[in-house]
Amino acid sequence: MTTNTAKGKKRIELGDWQTPPDLAEKTCRLLLDAGVSPASIIEPTCGKGNFLFAAMEIFPSAKQCFGLDISGEYLPEVLRKIEPFKKHLAATITQGDFFSFDWQKQIESMPDPVLVIGNPPWVTNSGIGSLEGKNLPKKSNFQNMKGLDAVTGKSNFDISEWMIINMLQHLKTRQACLAMLCKTAVARKILLYSWKNGIPLEQCSIYKIDSRQHFNVAVDACFFVVRLGQKKPILNCRIYEELTPNSPCRLAALGSNRIISDMVLYEKWKHLITNQGEPFKWRSGIKHDCVKVMELKKAGNYFLNGLGEQVELEDDYLFPMLKSSDLANGEIETINRYMLVPQRFIGEQTNIIKQNTPKTWGYLQKHVDLLDKRTSIIYQNNPQFSIFGVGDYAFADFKIAISGFYKNIRFRLISPYNGKPVVLDDTCYFLSCCSEQQAVVLYEILSSETAREFFSAYIWWDSKRPITLELLNMLSITKLADVCGKNTLLESLCENTSQHQLTMF
């Protein structure tokens, strides 16, 4: 689906990917076989109503049915098709905005057990924002994130995540089942939110579906099912590989305040979780949000930028750089990509560039329009051409680095290139090292089977960014060194590290 047409933008904003009738029927029969027997059925974003029609056919226990959709496009068709069902139950279909609708009043008017079923939009709030759409909740930072997390990618959320949590809040004192198609990552976020915030979930299940087959989209998706109000709440979830209870299954659970992917490995290595005072700290690479200007490729005596321009700059602010793809694939023998790094630390004034390196200043001024268009709030009220993720640590000669995006746990020992430290972009994470010897020891222990198993306990490979800064900083490097028999050597190499770390951090 292109976003270049008004129709395409509207479809994305409303999440108008209608659930195929055969998929709606299969999911409802799965619920029926699991013992779901609703008196009330609700589809909060009903579109063509395929879930409603399948549920009314399959659940003879249903007495009431309610559907809501923000678009009136399909309303006449749904109203016509629902007429025969009104002989057996009370059915209401109406046009309305999910975010302003009085769900508390609606759910209170319907008898238990309640089944809320559907396929809410899979788009994110930032995605809708980029389309200048309005189908959003009024409060965007509903996870109450603070600081940089509230203004960078972490505060981004899926609309379906907000909708499902909102419905669970209304259902938590009722006998109910919530069953939704959504991204698998969204289902995990909802589980974590519910477990942390006391929503009493029972019999949690994630059934993976083939989103390409059903919706022609490339995203890991699932049929997410939770029950409420009938048995004792639980803090685990069965994850099925297919849309059947007979498919291979594993158990995810809450541990160390996050969802654990592999409980066996978690129990084996949870004593390696870091405590306060850990001398090593993982960092993100440099964030600049202007690849076409700030990243250049070496072409003989010149550089080429992302606009195809031949560029000649002083050497002072240019550093060899690596990206996630460099860290994850093959051996790093040569580097021909460079990053223009106009600051050595966050907030450093940049007008000094004009005095010392006029070509670099002229280049930045030439592209000031592109640099000033960077929309992230982190660039506001900061010196012109500011970047983030810089400090002395970014310029350490030796680093241990890993990609955040690729689906492997592969650490790299990064050494200087042509006499300059190598910098990393913000798709990478790294440890800065005070010496080559220290880097060698850190690389060895982080490449151990112990470290791989530790991280594997927490990693969800279907995530967009499986490896995160939070995950890396969970592992105590000093405890890992002890397990690997390298603690004494690492301590001796760290004798001069204390002063080094004070400078680096």
Protein backbone atom coordinates (compact mmCIF):
# COMPACT_ATOMS: atom_id res chain seq x y z
CA MET A 1 0.00 0.00 0.00
CA THR A 2 1.47 3.34 -1.05
CA THR A 3 1.26 6.30 1.29
CA ASN A 4 1.35 8.75 -1.61
CA THR A 5 -2.39 8.93 -2.14
CA ALA A 6 -5.05 10.33 0.14
CA LYS A 7 -6.81 6.96 0.07
CA GLY A 8 -3.61 5.14 0.99
CA LYS A 9 -2.90 7.48 3.90
CA LYS A 10 -6.46 7.10 5.17
CA ARG A 11 -6.25 3.32 4.99
CA ILE A 12 -3.05 3.32 7.05
CA GLU A 13 -4.40 5.79 9.59
CA LEU A 14 -7.54 3.71 10.16
CA GLY A 15 -5.75 0.36 9.95
CA ASP A 16 -8.17 -0.67 7.23
CA TRP A 17 -6.87 -4.20 6.68
CA GLN A 18 -10.07 -6.26 6.92
CA THR A 19 -9.78 -9.63 8.63
CA PRO A 20 -10.42 -12.45 6.13
CA PRO A 21 -13.66 -14.30 7.02
CA ASP A 22 -11.89 -17.69 7.15
CA LEU A 23 -9.35 -16.33 9.66
CA ALA A 24 -12.15 -14.84 11.78
CA GLU A 25 -13.96 -18.18 11.78
CA LYS A 26 -10.80 -20.16 12.66
CA THR A 27 -9.98 -17.91 15.62
CA CYS A 28 -13.54 -18.08 16.95
CA ARG A 29 -13.54 -21.89 16.76
CA LEU A 30 -10.21 -21.89 18.61
CA LEU A 31 -11.87 -19.91 21.40
CA LEU A 32 -14.91 -22.20 21.40
CA ASP A 33 -12.69 -25.29 21.75
CA ALA A 34 -10.91 -23.53 24.65
CA GLY A 35 -14.21 -23.17 26.51
CA VAL A 36 -15.08 -19.56 25.72
CA SER A 37 -18.84 -19.16 25.90
CA PRO A 38 -19.77 -15.47 25.84
CA ALA A 39 -23.12 -13.87 26.62
CA SER A 40 -21.87 -10.62 25.06
CA ILE A 41 -19.72 -9.98 22.01
CA ILE A 42 -17.94 -6.69 21.28
CA GLU A 43 -15.83 -5.78 18.26
CA PRO A 44 -14.48 -2.27 19.00
CA THR A 45 -13.07 -1.58 15.49
CA CYS A 46 -15.43 -3.73 13.46
CA GLY A 47 -14.90 -2.51 9.86
CA LYS A 48 -16.81 -5.01 7.70
CA GLY A 49 -17.73 -6.93 10.87
CA ASN A 50 -16.14 -10.25 9.90
CA PHE A 51 -15.31 -11.08 13.53
CA LEU A 52 -18.83 -10.18 14.62
CA PHE A 53 -20.46 -12.39 12.02
CA ALA A 54 -18.13 -15.31 12.74
CA ALA A 55 -18.70 -14.96 16.51
CA MET A 56 -22.48 -14.77 16.17
CA GLU A 57 -22.41 -17.94 14.07
CA ILE A 58 -20.11 -19.91 16.36
CA PHE A 59 -21.19 -18.86 19.88
CA PRO A 60 -24.85 -19.87 20.45
CA SER A 61 -24.51 -18.57 24.02
CA ALA A 62 -24.37 -14.94 22.83
CA LYS A 63 -27.33 -12.73 23.77
CA GLN A 64 -25.94 -9.31 22.84
CA CYS A 65 -23.60 -8.06 20.18
CA PHE A 66 -22.04 -4.60 19.70
CA GLY A 67 -19.80 -3.23 16.96
CA LEU A 68 -18.17 0.20 16.56
CA ASP A 69 -16.09 1.67 13.74
CA ILE A 70 -14.78 5.17 13.11
CA SER A 71 -15.50 4.94 9.37
CA GLY A 72 -19.01 4.86 7.98
CA GLU A 73 -17.81 3.30 4.73
CA TYR A 74 -18.84 -0.25 5.60
CA LEU A 75 -21.76 0.59 7.92
CA PRO A 76 -24.63 0.09 5.40
CA GLU A 77 -23.24 -3.33 4.38
CA VAL A 78 -22.80 -4.45 7.99
CA LEU A 79 -26.28 -3.26 8.99
CA ARG A 80 -27.80 -5.17 6.09
CA LYS A 81 -25.94 -8.40 6.83
CA ILE A 82 -26.69 -8.32 10.55
CA GLU A 83 -30.49 -8.25 10.17
CA PRO A 84 -30.93 -12.08 10.14
CA PHE A 85 -28.98 -12.38 13.42
CA LYS A 86 -31.39 -10.05 15.22
CA LYS A 87 -33.90 -12.92 15.42
CA HIS A 88 -31.64 -14.58 18.01
CA LEU A 89 -29.82 -11.75 19.84
CA ALA A 90 -29.74 -7.99 20.40
CA ALA A 91 -27.26 -6.51 17.90
CA THR A 92 -26.12 -2.90 17.60
CA ILE A 93 -23.65 -1.52 15.06
CA THR A 94 -22.73 2.16 15.12
CA GLN A 95 -20.22 4.66 13.83
CA GLY A 96 -17.97 6.26 16.45
CA ASP A 97 -14.46 7.14 17.59
CA PHE A 98 -12.87 4.46 19.80
CA PHE A 99 -10.89 7.07 21.74
CA SER A 100 -13.89 9.20 22.75
CA PHE A 101 -16.50 6.43 23.04
CA ASP A 102 -17.89 5.67 26.51
CA TRP A 103 -16.72 2.04 26.77
CA GLN A 104 -17.37 1.86 30.50
CA LYS A 105 -21.07 2.56 29.98
CA GLN A 106 -21.30 0.19 27.01
CA ILE A 107 -19.62 -2.74 28.77
CA GLU A 108 -21.64 -2.21 31.95
CA SER A 109 -24.82 -2.57 29.87
CA MET A 110 -23.83 -6.03 28.62
CA PRO A 111 -24.01 -9.35 30.59
CA ASP A 112 -21.07 -11.57 31.56
CA PRO A 113 -19.16 -13.37 30.19
CA VAL A 114 -17.97 -10.72 27.73
CA LEU A 115 -15.91 -11.49 24.65
CA VAL A 116 -14.01 -8.54 23.13
CA ILE A 117 -12.64 -9.64 19.79
CA GLY A 118 -11.15 -7.86 16.82
CA ASN A 119 -8.26 -6.56 14.79
CA PRO A 120 -7.32 -3.02 15.89
CA PRO A 121 -4.95 -0.86 13.73
CA TRP A 122 -1.30 -2.05 13.63
CA VAL A 123 0.09 1.43 12.96
CA THR A 124 2.14 3.41 15.50
CA ASN A 125 1.40 6.88 16.88
CA SER A 126 4.48 8.28 15.10
CA GLY A 127 3.32 6.61 11.87
CA ILE A 128 -0.03 8.35 12.12
CA GLY A 129 1.73 11.57 13.08
CA SER A 130 3.87 11.42 9.92
CA LEU A 131 0.66 11.19 7.87
CA GLU A 132 -0.82 14.11 9.82
CA GLY A 133 -3.61 11.74 10.90
CA LYS A 134 -5.98 12.25 13.82
CA ASN A 135 -6.84 8.66 14.82
CA LEU A 136 -4.88 8.91 18.09
CA PRO A 137 -5.54 9.00 21.82
CA LYS A 138 -5.19 12.46 23.35
CA LYS A 139 -2.38 11.46 25.74
CA SER A 140 0.53 10.01 23.77
CA ASN A 141 3.01 9.24 26.60
CA PHE A 142 0.66 6.81 28.32
CA GLN A 143 3.54 4.68 29.62
CA ASN A 144 4.68 7.73 31.65
CA MET A 145 8.22 7.63 30.30
CA LYS A 146 10.62 10.31 31.46
CA GLY A 147 13.61 12.21 30.11
CA LEU A 148 15.06 11.17 26.75
CA ASP A 149 12.89 8.03 26.71
CA ALA A 150 9.82 10.28 26.50
CA VAL A 151 11.05 12.14 23.42
CA THR A 152 12.86 9.45 21.48
CA GLY A 153 11.84 6.10 20.03
CA LYS A 154 10.93 4.50 23.34
CA SER A 155 7.83 6.68 23.69
CA ASN A 156 6.52 5.48 20.33
CA PHE A 157 3.68 2.99 20.67
CA ASP A 158 1.23 1.02 18.59
CA ILE A 159 -2.34 2.27 18.49
CA SER A 160 -3.50 -1.32 19.08
CA GLU A 161 -1.40 -1.41 22.27
CA TRP A 162 -3.24 1.62 23.63
CA MET A 163 -6.64 0.25 22.56
CA ILE A 164 -6.17 -3.22 24.05
CA ILE A 165 -4.87 -1.90 27.36
CA ASN A 166 -7.83 0.47 27.49
CA MET A 167 -10.25 -2.44 26.97
CA LEU A 168 -8.48 -4.54 29.62
CA GLN A 169 -8.90 -1.71 32.11
CA HIS A 170 -12.66 -1.82 31.50
CA LEU A 171 -12.78 -5.64 31.68
CA LYS A 172 -10.60 -6.28 34.74
CA THR A 173 -13.53 -6.61 37.15
CA ARG A 174 -15.64 -8.70 34.76
CA GLN A 175 -15.79 -12.29 33.59
CA ALA A 176 -14.32 -11.78 30.17
CA CYS A 177 -12.11 -12.92 27.34
CA LEU A 178 -10.14 -10.52 25.17
CA ALA A 179 -8.98 -11.96 21.84
CA MET A 180 -7.21 -9.71 19.34
CA LEU A 181 -5.06 -9.93 16.23
CA CYS A 182 -2.00 -7.74 16.78
CA LYS A 183 1.77 -7.59 16.38
CA THR A 184 3.53 -10.18 18.55
CA ALA A 185 5.65 -7.42 20.07
CA VAL A 186 2.47 -5.56 21.03
CA ALA A 187 1.10 -8.66 22.77
CA ARG A 188 4.27 -8.89 24.87
CA LYS A 189 4.11 -5.21 25.79
CA ILE A 190 0.51 -5.63 26.91
CA LEU A 191 1.41 -8.65 29.03
CA LEU A 192 4.23 -6.74 30.69
CA TYR A 193 2.05 -3.68 31.27
CA SER A 194 -0.73 -5.82 32.74
CA TRP A 195 1.57 -7.80 35.03
CA LYS A 196 3.26 -4.64 36.30
CA ASN A 197 -0.01 -2.76 36.79
CA GLY A 198 -2.12 -5.45 38.43
CA ILE A 199 -4.53 -6.31 35.62
CA PRO A 200 -5.55 -9.86 36.64
CA LEU A 201 -4.87 -11.89 33.48
CA GLU A 202 -5.56 -15.62 33.29
CA GLN A 203 -4.85 -18.29 30.67
CA CYS A 204 -2.73 -16.01 28.50
CA SER A 205 -1.94 -17.34 25.02
CA ILE A 206 -0.15 -16.06 21.92
CA TYR A 207 -0.87 -17.97 18.70
CA LYS A 208 1.43 -16.88 15.88
CA ILE A 209 -0.19 -16.20 12.50
CA ASP A 210 1.16 -15.78 8.97
CA SER A 211 0.58 -12.04 8.43
CA ARG A 212 1.85 -12.20 4.86
CA GLN A 213 -0.69 -14.87 3.98
CA HIS A 214 -3.64 -13.17 5.67
CA PHE A 215 -2.82 -9.45 5.24
CA ASN A 216 0.10 -9.28 2.77
CA VAL A 217 2.28 -7.49 5.30
CA ALA A 218 5.73 -8.42 6.63
CA VAL A 219 5.37 -8.26 10.39
CA ASP A 220 5.38 -10.84 13.19
CA ALA A 221 1.77 -11.05 14.28
CA CYS A 222 -0.41 -13.22 16.48
CA PHE A 223 -3.84 -13.99 17.86
CA PHE A 224 -3.56 -12.75 21.45
CA VAL A 225 -5.96 -14.26 23.98
CA VAL A 226 -6.38 -13.53 27.69
CA ARG A 227 -9.13 -14.44 30.16
CA LEU A 228 -10.21 -12.42 33.19
CA GLY A 229 -12.38 -12.88 36.27
CA GLN A 230 -12.75 -16.65 36.43
CA LYS A 231 -9.63 -18.16 37.97
CA LYS A 232 -6.48 -17.08 39.82
CA PRO A 233 -4.33 -14.55 37.88
CA ILE A 234 -1.07 -15.90 36.45
CA LEU A 235 2.24 -14.34 35.39
CA ASN A 236 3.02 -16.50 32.38
CA CYS A 237 1.87 -16.97 28.81
CA ARG A 238 1.86 -19.92 26.44
CA ILE A 239 3.32 -19.11 23.04
CA TYR A 240 2.16 -21.32 20.17
CA GLU A 241 3.96 -21.41 16.83
CA GLU A 242 0.71 -21.71 14.86
CA LEU A 243 -2.98 -20.97 15.22
CA THR A 244 -3.74 -24.26 16.93
CA PRO A 245 -3.32 -25.54 20.50
CA ASN A 246 -1.55 -28.61 19.10
CA SER A 247 1.38 -26.62 17.65
CA PRO A 248 4.76 -26.44 19.45
CA CYS A 249 4.48 -24.35 22.59
CA ARG A 250 6.79 -22.66 25.09
CA LEU A 251 6.20 -20.68 28.24
CA ALA A 252 7.09 -17.00 28.65
CA ALA A 253 6.94 -15.41 32.09
CA LEU A 254 7.63 -12.34 34.18
CA GLY A 255 11.14 -12.21 35.68
CA SER A 256 13.44 -9.37 36.73
CA ASN A 257 10.68 -6.91 35.82
CA ARG A 258 10.56 -7.99 32.15
CA ILE A 259 9.18 -10.80 29.99
CA ILE A 260 11.54 -13.73 29.92
CA SER A 261 11.92 -15.58 26.62
CA ASP A 262 13.58 -18.72 28.03
CA MET A 263 12.91 -19.49 31.69
CA VAL A 264 15.47 -22.34 31.82
CA LEU A 265 18.34 -20.06 30.81
CA TYR A 266 17.00 -17.28 33.00
CA GLU A 267 17.09 -19.49 36.11
CA LYS A 268 20.56 -20.75 35.16
CA TRP A 269 22.20 -17.33 34.80
CA LYS A 270 20.07 -14.81 36.69
CA HIS A 271 22.84 -14.48 39.31
CA LEU A 272 24.85 -12.63 36.65
CA ILE A 273 22.42 -9.71 36.61
CA THR A 274 24.29 -6.53 37.39
CA ASN A 275 24.23 -4.74 40.72
CA GLN A 276 24.93 -1.12 41.50
CA GLY A 277 28.53 -0.03 40.96
CA GLU A 278 29.28 -1.98 37.80
CA PRO A 279 32.40 -0.30 36.28
CA PHE A 280 31.40 -0.98 32.67
CA LYS A 281 28.54 0.71 30.88
CA TRP A 282 27.15 0.06 27.39
CA ARG A 283 26.50 3.11 25.22
CA SER A 284 24.49 3.84 22.05
CA GLY A 285 26.25 5.01 18.93
CA ILE A 286 26.02 8.58 17.61
CA LYS A 287 22.59 9.92 16.67
CA HIS A 288 22.41 12.67 14.02
CA ASP A 289 19.20 12.00 12.00
CA CYS A 290 20.66 13.31 8.74
CA VAL A 291 22.39 10.46 6.91
CA LYS A 292 22.56 12.26 3.56
CA VAL A 293 24.68 15.04 5.01
CA MET A 294 26.53 13.54 7.99
CA GLU A 295 27.63 10.22 6.48
CA LEU A 296 30.09 10.16 3.58
CA LYS A 297 31.86 7.53 1.53
CA LYS A 298 35.52 7.77 0.63
CA ALA A 299 36.05 8.06 -3.13
CA GLY A 300 39.75 8.60 -3.86
CA ASN A 301 40.75 12.04 -2.65
CA TYR A 302 37.17 13.09 -2.10
CA PHE A 303 34.08 12.06 -0.22
CA LEU A 304 30.58 11.48 -1.57
CA ASN A 305 27.58 12.35 0.55
CA GLY A 306 24.10 10.82 0.39
CA LEU A 307 22.99 13.56 -2.01
CA GLY A 308 25.55 12.40 -4.56
CA GLU A 309 27.71 15.48 -4.05
CA GLN A 310 31.51 15.35 -4.22
CA VAL A 311 32.75 16.80 -0.94
CA GLU A 312 36.16 18.04 0.23
CA LEU A 313 36.47 18.61 3.99
CA GLU A 314 39.18 19.05 6.59
CA ASP A 315 40.07 15.89 8.51
CA ASP A 316 39.35 17.29 11.99
CA TYR A 317 35.67 16.33 12.29
CA LEU A 318 35.69 13.22 10.10
CA PHE A 319 35.84 9.77 11.70
CA PRO A 320 35.71 6.28 10.16
CA MET A 321 32.36 4.76 11.06
CA LEU A 322 30.60 1.41 11.26
CA LYS A 323 26.93 0.56 11.07
CA SER A 324 24.90 -2.43 12.23
CA SER A 325 25.37 -4.24 8.92
CA ASP A 326 29.16 -3.93 9.27
CA LEU A 327 29.07 -5.46 12.76
CA ALA A 328 26.69 -8.29 11.91
CA ASN A 329 28.05 -9.47 8.57
CA GLY A 330 31.45 -10.73 7.51
CA GLU A 331 34.88 -9.51 8.51
CA ILE A 332 35.77 -5.82 8.77
CA GLU A 333 38.88 -5.41 6.62
CA THR A 334 38.48 -1.88 5.29
CA ILE A 335 36.28 1.07 6.16
CA ASN A 336 35.22 3.53 3.48
CA ARG A 337 32.34 5.18 5.32
CA TYR A 338 32.96 8.27 7.46
CA MET A 339 30.83 10.33 9.82
CA LEU A 340 31.00 14.10 10.23
CA VAL A 341 31.01 14.56 14.02
CA PRO A 342 30.76 18.31 14.82
CA GLN A 343 30.78 17.95 18.62
CA ARG A 344 33.02 16.12 21.12
CA PHE A 345 30.41 16.28 23.86
CA ILE A 346 26.68 17.01 24.11
CA GLY A 347 25.93 20.72 24.12
CA GLU A 348 29.37 21.79 22.83
CA GLN A 349 29.19 25.07 20.90
CA THR A 350 29.72 24.49 17.18
CA ASN A 351 30.61 27.99 15.97
CA ILE A 352 34.28 27.16 16.61
CA ILE A 353 34.10 25.02 13.46
CA LYS A 354 33.90 28.24 11.42
CA GLN A 355 37.28 29.43 12.71
CA ASN A 356 39.22 26.18 12.56
CA THR A 357 37.79 24.34 9.57
CA PRO A 358 36.14 26.69 7.07
CA LYS A 359 35.39 23.97 4.49
CA THR A 360 33.51 21.91 7.07
CA TRP A 361 31.62 25.00 8.26
CA GLY A 362 30.73 25.90 4.67
CA TYR A 363 29.48 22.35 4.05
CA LEU A 364 27.25 22.42 7.15
CA GLN A 365 25.91 25.85 6.20
CA LYS A 366 25.19 24.65 2.67
CA HIS A 367 22.93 21.96 4.08
CA VAL A 368 21.54 23.90 7.00
CA ASP A 369 17.99 23.46 5.71
CA LEU A 370 18.22 19.66 5.94
CA LEU A 371 19.88 19.78 9.37
CA ASP A 372 17.37 22.27 10.75
CA LYS A 373 14.50 20.05 9.55
CA ARG A 374 15.41 17.33 12.02
CA THR A 375 12.16 16.98 13.93
CA SER A 376 13.27 15.25 17.12
CA ILE A 377 12.80 17.44 20.16
CA ILE A 378 16.32 16.56 21.37
CA TYR A 379 17.76 19.01 18.82
CA GLN A 380 15.70 21.93 20.07
CA ASN A 381 17.40 24.57 22.23
CA ASN A 382 20.81 23.08 21.46
CA PRO A 383 23.70 24.49 19.38
CA GLN A 384 23.28 24.41 15.60
CA PHE A 385 24.28 21.06 14.01
CA SER A 386 24.05 19.26 17.38
CA ILE A 387 24.27 15.48 17.59
CA PHE A 388 23.75 12.99 20.45
CA GLY A 389 25.60 10.00 21.78
CA VAL A 390 28.93 11.84 22.03
CA GLY A 391 31.38 12.12 24.90
CA ASP A 392 34.93 10.92 25.41
CA TYR A 393 33.59 7.34 25.37
CA ALA A 394 32.59 7.76 21.68
CA PHE A 395 36.21 8.49 20.76
CA ALA A 396 37.89 5.66 22.69
CA ASP A 397 40.44 3.89 20.51
CA PHE A 398 39.21 0.41 21.42
CA LYS A 399 35.60 -0.66 21.74
CA ILE A 400 33.49 -3.81 21.97
CA ALA A 401 30.46 -3.33 19.72
CA ILE A 402 27.30 -5.16 18.69
CA SER A 403 24.41 -4.49 16.32
CA GLY A 404 21.00 -3.79 17.84
CA PHE A 405 19.05 -4.82 14.74
CA TYR A 406 20.50 -8.06 13.44
CA LYS A 407 19.34 -11.44 14.66
CA ASN A 408 22.59 -12.71 16.09
CA ILE A 409 24.68 -12.19 19.21
CA ARG A 410 27.99 -11.23 17.62
CA PHE A 411 30.38 -8.92 19.44
CA ARG A 412 33.18 -7.11 17.62
CA LEU A 413 36.48 -5.77 18.86
CA ILE A 414 36.89 -2.39 17.17
CA SER A 415 40.40 -0.92 16.78
CA PRO A 416 41.52 2.47 15.40
CA TYR A 417 41.49 2.81 11.62
CA ASN A 418 44.17 4.85 9.85
CA GLY A 419 45.15 6.40 13.16
CA LYS A 420 41.67 7.58 14.17
CA PRO A 421 39.08 6.06 16.51
CA VAL A 422 36.12 4.41 14.80
CA VAL A 423 32.67 5.78 15.67
CA LEU A 424 29.38 3.89 15.47
CA ASP A 425 25.93 5.02 14.42
CA ASP A 426 22.88 4.79 16.67
CA THR A 427 21.92 1.30 15.44
CA CYS A 428 24.93 -0.03 17.40
CA TYR A 429 25.94 -0.36 21.05
CA PHE A 430 29.43 -0.44 22.47
CA LEU A 431 31.67 -0.62 25.52
CA SER A 432 34.58 1.82 25.51
CA CYS A 433 37.88 0.26 26.61
CA CYS A 434 40.90 1.93 28.18
CA SER A 435 43.42 -0.31 26.39
CA GLU A 436 43.73 -2.95 23.71
CA GLN A 437 44.50 -5.59 26.36
CA GLN A 438 41.30 -4.78 28.20
CA ALA A 439 39.34 -4.91 24.93
CA VAL A 440 40.75 -8.38 24.18
CA VAL A 441 39.62 -9.75 27.57
CA LEU A 442 36.17 -8.15 27.28
CA TYR A 443 35.75 -9.51 23.77
CA GLU A 444 36.70 -13.02 24.92
CA ILE A 445 34.26 -13.19 27.84
CA LEU A 446 31.39 -11.55 25.93
CA SER A 447 31.87 -14.09 23.15
CA SER A 448 31.56 -16.98 25.64
CA GLU A 449 28.69 -19.46 25.73
CA THR A 450 27.82 -18.12 29.19
CA ALA A 451 27.19 -14.63 27.84
CA ARG A 452 25.25 -16.00 24.86
CA GLU A 453 22.96 -18.02 27.13
CA PHE A 454 22.48 -15.08 29.49
CA PHE A 455 21.29 -12.78 26.69
CA SER A 456 19.26 -15.54 25.01
CA ALA A 457 17.08 -15.79 28.11
CA TYR A 458 15.74 -12.30 27.40
CA ILE A 459 15.94 -11.81 23.61
CA TRP A 460 12.85 -11.91 21.41
CA TRP A 461 14.20 -12.32 17.90
CA ASP A 462 10.97 -11.15 16.25
CA SER A 463 11.47 -7.68 17.76
CA LYS A 464 12.52 -4.85 15.45
CA ARG A 465 15.55 -4.23 17.71
CA PRO A 466 16.17 -7.56 19.51
CA ILE A 467 19.29 -6.34 21.34
CA THR A 468 18.86 -3.20 23.42
CA LEU A 469 20.94 -1.02 25.68
CA GLU A 470 18.83 -2.09 28.65
CA LEU A 471 19.48 -5.77 27.90
CA LEU A 472 23.25 -5.34 27.52
CA ASN A 473 23.54 -3.40 30.75
CA MET A 474 21.72 -6.18 32.63
CA LEU A 475 24.82 -8.41 32.47
CA SER A 476 27.48 -7.81 35.11
CA ILE A 477 30.81 -7.82 33.28
CA THR A 478 32.69 -8.45 36.53
CA LYS A 479 30.49 -11.46 37.42
CA LEU A 480 30.86 -12.79 33.87
CA ALA A 481 34.65 -12.43 34.10
CA ASP A 482 34.57 -14.40 37.34
CA VAL A 483 32.58 -17.26 35.73
CA CYS A 484 34.99 -17.26 32.76
CA GLY A 485 38.05 -17.33 35.03
CA LYS A 486 39.21 -13.90 33.82
CA ASN A 487 38.38 -11.82 36.86
CA THR A 488 41.96 -11.46 38.14
CA LEU A 489 43.27 -10.51 34.70
CA LEU A 490 40.44 -8.04 34.13
CA GLU A 491 40.99 -6.48 37.55
CA SER A 492 44.69 -6.00 36.83
CA LEU A 493 43.84 -4.33 33.54
CA CYS A 494 41.30 -2.17 35.32
CA GLU A 495 43.76 -0.79 37.86
CA ASN A 496 44.06 2.32 35.75
CA THR A 497 40.46 2.12 34.62
CA SER A 498 38.88 3.99 37.51
CA GLN A 499 40.33 7.27 36.39
CA HIS A 500 39.61 6.28 32.81
CA GLN A 501 35.95 5.56 33.59
CA LEU A 502 35.57 8.85 35.43
CA THR A 503 36.61 10.53 32.21
CA MET A 504 34.62 8.30 29.90
CA PHE A 505 31.33 8.36 31.81
